[in-house]
Amino acid sequence: MARLRWPLAAALTWVACWVIYGGTQRLGWVPWLALLCACVVGLGCAVFGSTPWRRTILALGFPLSLALSGGGSAWVWLLPLALLLALYPLNAWRDAPLFPTPAHALRDLAGAASLPPRARVLDAGCGLGDGLKALREAYPDAELHGVEWSWPLRAACALRCPWARVRQGDIWRADWSAYAMVYLFQRPESMARAAAKARAELAPGAWLVSLEFEALDLRPTGRLQAPDGRAVWLYRM
């Protein structure tokens, strides 16, 4: 369980709880005992969650889905699951979920990492476009690009940021060599991969910028603080 990618661990936990809940009732168990058994399994799996938030999701996923179904079958849980898969495809499960960049998080970036006019800047994993908006606040003259794997999110981002060039694609297969700066708001598990890609592809003098999560394999050039207290890590190649 601990080695499974998130949110695959959550999905498997919920399925296991539903199987136990339905199977024990077919064996003649009274509903409250079947419910208790399934919830115990969910709580047991929650121990393997890497963060308090993930442990909560593992533990509460089954009882929440049961409540939404009115105590009946699990089919009503398929609609939000299908929506989740549309917004967050399986290919992207190793990356960060939809965590928008807070407003004004990068407002001091230009003072610490200067770029020439019309420099090309990439938001790798642009989601709904909040990172692109923050980058535009910092670099109003830059040529902003976004890459997002999810088709619905890419379409929404393009509508919200018509001044940016947004395309659908895998940030790990995209070529970073043409950009003067690559911005990320990923997850701790992704930062080693991002550091290796930056080393291999970014030109000398180009910047890798990460909100909140440090690339431990790189030496930071600077560290800013966003208005909400999060760190903004700067790395110059």
Protein backbone atom coordinates (compact mmCIF):
# COMPACT_ATOMS: atom_id res chain seq x y z
CA MET A 1 0.00 0.00 0.00
CA ALA A 2 2.79 2.44 0.90
CA ARG A 3 4.45 1.92 -2.49
CA LEU A 4 1.31 2.52 -4.57
CA ARG A 5 0.97 5.81 -6.39
CA TRP A 6 -1.54 8.26 -5.05
CA PRO A 7 -4.52 8.25 -5.52
CA LEU A 8 -4.41 4.59 -6.65
CA ALA A 9 -3.96 3.56 -3.01
CA ALA A 10 -7.16 5.40 -2.08
CA ALA A 11 -9.16 3.88 -4.95
CA LEU A 12 -8.05 0.34 -4.06
CA THR A 13 -8.85 0.92 -0.38
CA TRP A 14 -12.37 2.11 -1.18
CA VAL A 15 -12.98 -0.82 -3.55
CA ALA A 16 -11.77 -3.27 -0.91
CA CYS A 17 -14.12 -1.76 1.66
CA TRP A 18 -17.09 -2.04 -0.72
CA VAL A 19 -16.22 -5.65 -1.56
CA ILE A 20 -16.03 -6.55 2.14
CA TYR A 21 -19.23 -4.66 2.92
CA GLY A 22 -21.20 -6.39 0.16
CA GLY A 23 -19.56 -9.79 0.62
CA THR A 24 -20.19 -10.03 4.35
CA GLN A 25 -23.87 -9.14 3.89
CA ARG A 26 -24.23 -11.89 1.30
CA LEU A 27 -22.79 -14.27 3.89
CA GLY A 28 -25.66 -13.31 6.18
CA TRP A 29 -23.96 -10.73 8.40
CA VAL A 30 -26.21 -8.02 9.80
CA PRO A 31 -25.64 -4.65 8.06
CA TRP A 32 -24.10 -2.88 11.06
CA LEU A 33 -21.50 -5.62 11.49
CA ALA A 34 -20.68 -5.58 7.77
CA LEU A 35 -20.31 -1.80 7.96
CA LEU A 36 -18.04 -2.07 11.00
CA CYS A 37 -15.84 -4.66 9.29
CA ALA A 38 -15.46 -2.53 6.14
CA CYS A 39 -14.66 0.60 8.16
CA VAL A 40 -12.02 -1.27 10.15
CA VAL A 41 -10.35 -2.27 6.88
CA GLY A 42 -10.38 1.37 5.76
CA LEU A 43 -8.87 2.50 9.05
CA GLY A 44 -6.20 -0.19 8.77
CA CYS A 45 -5.23 0.96 5.29
CA ALA A 46 -5.18 4.58 6.46
CA VAL A 47 -2.13 3.81 8.58
CA PHE A 48 -0.09 3.67 5.37
CA GLY A 49 -1.04 7.20 4.27
CA SER A 50 2.04 9.42 3.95
CA THR A 51 0.31 12.57 5.24
CA PRO A 52 -2.54 13.29 7.71
CA TRP A 53 -4.72 14.47 4.81
CA ARG A 54 -4.18 11.24 2.87
CA ARG A 55 -4.84 9.12 5.96
CA THR A 56 -8.14 10.96 6.39
CA ILE A 57 -9.11 10.32 2.77
CA LEU A 58 -8.26 6.62 3.06
CA ALA A 59 -10.31 6.23 6.22
CA LEU A 60 -13.38 8.28 5.24
CA GLY A 61 -13.69 7.42 1.55
CA PHE A 62 -15.85 4.33 2.06
CA PRO A 63 -18.28 5.68 4.70
CA LEU A 64 -18.67 8.88 2.68
CA SER A 65 -19.45 6.96 -0.50
CA LEU A 66 -21.89 4.77 1.44
CA ALA A 67 -23.66 7.84 2.77
CA LEU A 68 -23.85 9.39 -0.71
CA SER A 69 -25.34 6.18 -2.06
CA GLY A 70 -28.03 6.21 0.59
CA GLY A 71 -26.72 2.97 2.05
CA GLY A 72 -27.28 1.13 -1.20
CA SER A 73 -24.88 0.23 -3.99
CA ALA A 74 -21.59 1.84 -4.91
CA TRP A 75 -22.60 2.85 -8.45
CA VAL A 76 -23.30 6.49 -7.48
CA TRP A 77 -19.63 6.75 -6.49
CA LEU A 78 -18.69 6.11 -10.13
CA LEU A 79 -19.86 9.53 -11.35
CA PRO A 80 -17.47 11.63 -9.23
CA LEU A 81 -14.76 9.02 -9.88
CA ALA A 82 -15.28 9.37 -13.64
CA LEU A 83 -15.11 13.15 -13.30
CA LEU A 84 -11.90 12.80 -11.29
CA LEU A 85 -10.35 10.61 -14.00
CA ALA A 86 -11.33 13.14 -16.69
CA LEU A 87 -9.73 16.00 -14.79
CA TYR A 88 -6.79 13.99 -13.47
CA PRO A 89 -5.89 11.15 -15.88
CA LEU A 90 -4.02 8.05 -14.75
CA ASN A 91 -0.86 9.22 -16.54
CA ALA A 92 -0.69 12.25 -14.25
CA TRP A 93 -1.16 10.45 -10.93
CA ARG A 94 2.58 10.57 -10.25
CA ASP A 95 2.44 14.38 -10.42
CA ALA A 96 0.76 16.95 -8.21
CA PRO A 97 -3.03 17.13 -8.04
CA LEU A 98 -4.85 20.37 -8.77
CA PHE A 99 -3.29 22.76 -6.26
CA PRO A 100 -3.63 26.32 -7.63
CA THR A 101 -0.82 28.82 -7.18
CA PRO A 102 -2.02 31.42 -4.63
CA ALA A 103 -2.59 34.95 -5.87
CA HIS A 104 0.52 37.18 -5.78
CA ALA A 105 2.71 34.21 -4.77
CA LEU A 106 5.37 35.24 -7.33
CA ARG A 107 5.07 39.02 -7.14
CA ASP A 108 8.67 39.44 -5.90
CA LEU A 109 10.17 36.96 -8.35
CA ALA A 110 11.35 39.46 -10.97
CA GLY A 111 13.50 41.26 -8.40
CA ALA A 112 15.40 38.06 -7.60
CA ALA A 113 15.43 36.45 -11.06
CA SER A 114 15.67 39.03 -13.83
CA LEU A 115 14.69 38.04 -17.36
CA PRO A 116 15.20 39.86 -20.66
CA PRO A 117 12.13 41.30 -22.44
CA ARG A 118 10.00 38.70 -24.23
CA ALA A 119 11.75 35.85 -22.43
CA ARG A 120 9.98 32.51 -22.76
CA VAL A 121 8.61 31.22 -19.45
CA LEU A 122 6.95 27.83 -18.95
CA ASP A 123 4.43 26.85 -16.30
CA ALA A 124 4.92 23.08 -16.23
CA GLY A 125 1.60 21.62 -15.11
CA CYS A 126 -0.41 24.83 -15.45
CA GLY A 127 -3.78 23.43 -14.28
CA LEU A 128 -6.43 26.14 -14.40
CA GLY A 129 -3.89 28.90 -15.03
CA ASP A 130 -3.31 30.40 -11.59
CA GLY A 131 0.45 29.95 -11.96
CA LEU A 132 0.39 31.68 -15.34
CA LYS A 133 -1.48 34.61 -13.80
CA ALA A 134 1.11 34.86 -11.04
CA LEU A 135 3.92 34.72 -13.60
CA ARG A 136 2.26 37.45 -15.66
CA GLU A 137 2.12 39.67 -12.58
CA ALA A 138 5.88 39.17 -12.12
CA TYR A 139 6.86 39.35 -15.81
CA PRO A 140 4.24 41.31 -17.79
CA ASP A 141 6.51 41.41 -20.87
CA ALA A 142 7.35 37.70 -20.91
CA GLU A 143 6.11 35.19 -23.46
CA LEU A 144 4.19 32.78 -21.23
CA HIS A 145 3.61 29.13 -22.04
CA GLY A 146 1.71 26.41 -20.19
CA VAL A 147 1.68 22.62 -20.46
CA GLU A 148 -1.10 20.55 -18.88
CA TRP A 149 -1.86 16.85 -19.31
CA SER A 150 -5.59 17.04 -18.51
CA TRP A 151 -7.66 18.08 -21.54
CA PRO A 152 -10.48 19.73 -19.49
CA LEU A 153 -8.00 21.69 -17.39
CA ARG A 154 -6.01 22.68 -20.46
CA ALA A 155 -9.18 24.01 -22.14
CA ALA A 156 -10.21 25.93 -19.01
CA CYS A 157 -6.71 27.36 -18.65
CA ALA A 158 -6.67 28.56 -22.25
CA LEU A 159 -9.98 30.37 -21.67
CA ARG A 160 -8.74 31.97 -18.44
CA CYS A 161 -5.34 32.93 -19.89
CA PRO A 162 -5.89 33.90 -23.55
CA TRP A 163 -2.61 35.83 -23.51
CA ALA A 164 -0.61 32.63 -22.84
CA ARG A 165 0.20 29.74 -25.16
CA VAL A 166 -1.34 26.72 -23.48
CA ARG A 167 -1.10 23.21 -24.86
CA GLN A 168 -1.94 19.70 -23.75
CA GLY A 169 1.08 17.53 -23.01
CA ASP A 170 3.26 15.69 -20.54
CA ILE A 171 5.57 18.06 -18.65
CA TRP A 172 8.22 15.32 -18.40
CA ARG A 173 8.29 14.75 -22.18
CA ALA A 174 8.12 18.44 -23.08
CA ASP A 175 11.41 20.04 -24.10
CA TRP A 176 12.46 22.68 -21.55
CA SER A 177 15.53 23.85 -23.47
CA ALA A 178 13.81 26.80 -25.17
CA TYR A 179 12.73 28.47 -21.92
CA ALA A 180 14.50 31.06 -19.82
CA MET A 181 12.47 29.94 -16.80
CA VAL A 182 10.41 26.90 -15.84
CA TYR A 183 7.96 27.24 -12.98
CA LEU A 184 6.65 24.25 -10.98
CA PHE A 185 4.17 23.69 -8.17
CA GLN A 186 4.58 19.94 -7.92
CA ARG A 187 5.00 17.59 -4.96
CA PRO A 188 8.08 16.51 -2.97
CA GLU A 189 8.28 13.15 -4.77
CA SER A 190 8.57 14.90 -8.16
CA MET A 191 11.38 17.30 -7.33
CA ALA A 192 14.30 14.92 -7.94
CA ARG A 193 12.94 14.26 -11.42
CA ALA A 194 12.45 17.97 -12.04
CA ALA A 195 16.02 18.72 -10.93
CA ALA A 196 17.44 16.07 -13.27
CA LYS A 197 15.39 17.37 -16.20
CA ALA A 198 16.43 20.96 -15.49
CA ARG A 199 20.11 19.96 -15.42
CA ALA A 200 19.78 18.06 -18.68
CA GLU A 201 17.73 20.57 -20.69
CA LEU A 202 17.81 24.12 -19.35
CA ALA A 203 20.46 26.40 -20.82
CA PRO A 204 23.16 27.99 -18.65
CA GLY A 205 21.65 31.00 -16.92
CA ALA A 206 18.07 29.68 -17.15
CA TRP A 207 15.94 29.42 -14.02
CA LEU A 208 13.97 26.65 -12.33
CA VAL A 209 11.43 28.03 -9.85
CA SER A 210 9.51 25.83 -7.43
CA LEU A 211 6.71 26.91 -5.13
CA GLU A 212 6.89 25.36 -1.65
CA PHE A 213 8.94 22.25 -2.44
CA GLU A 214 12.74 22.28 -2.52
CA ALA A 215 14.81 20.46 -5.15
CA LEU A 216 17.29 18.83 -2.79
CA ASP A 217 19.57 17.78 -5.67
CA LEU A 218 20.17 21.42 -6.67
CA ARG A 219 21.80 24.29 -4.80
CA PRO A 220 19.29 27.14 -4.47
CA THR A 221 20.28 30.52 -5.86
CA GLY A 222 17.67 32.22 -3.72
CA ARG A 223 14.60 31.71 -1.58
CA LEU A 224 11.62 34.06 -1.45
CA GLN A 225 8.54 33.99 0.72
CA ALA A 226 5.06 34.19 -0.77
CA PRO A 227 2.42 36.29 1.03
CA ASP A 228 0.89 33.14 2.55
CA GLY A 229 4.26 32.08 3.98
CA ARG A 230 5.20 29.42 1.42
CA ALA A 231 8.74 29.28 0.15
CA VAL A 232 9.57 30.09 -3.48
CA TRP A 233 12.79 28.27 -4.40
CA LEU A 234 15.03 29.66 -7.16
CA TYR A 235 17.68 27.66 -9.00
CA ARG A 236 19.89 29.07 -11.73
CA MET A 237 21.52 26.60 -14.06
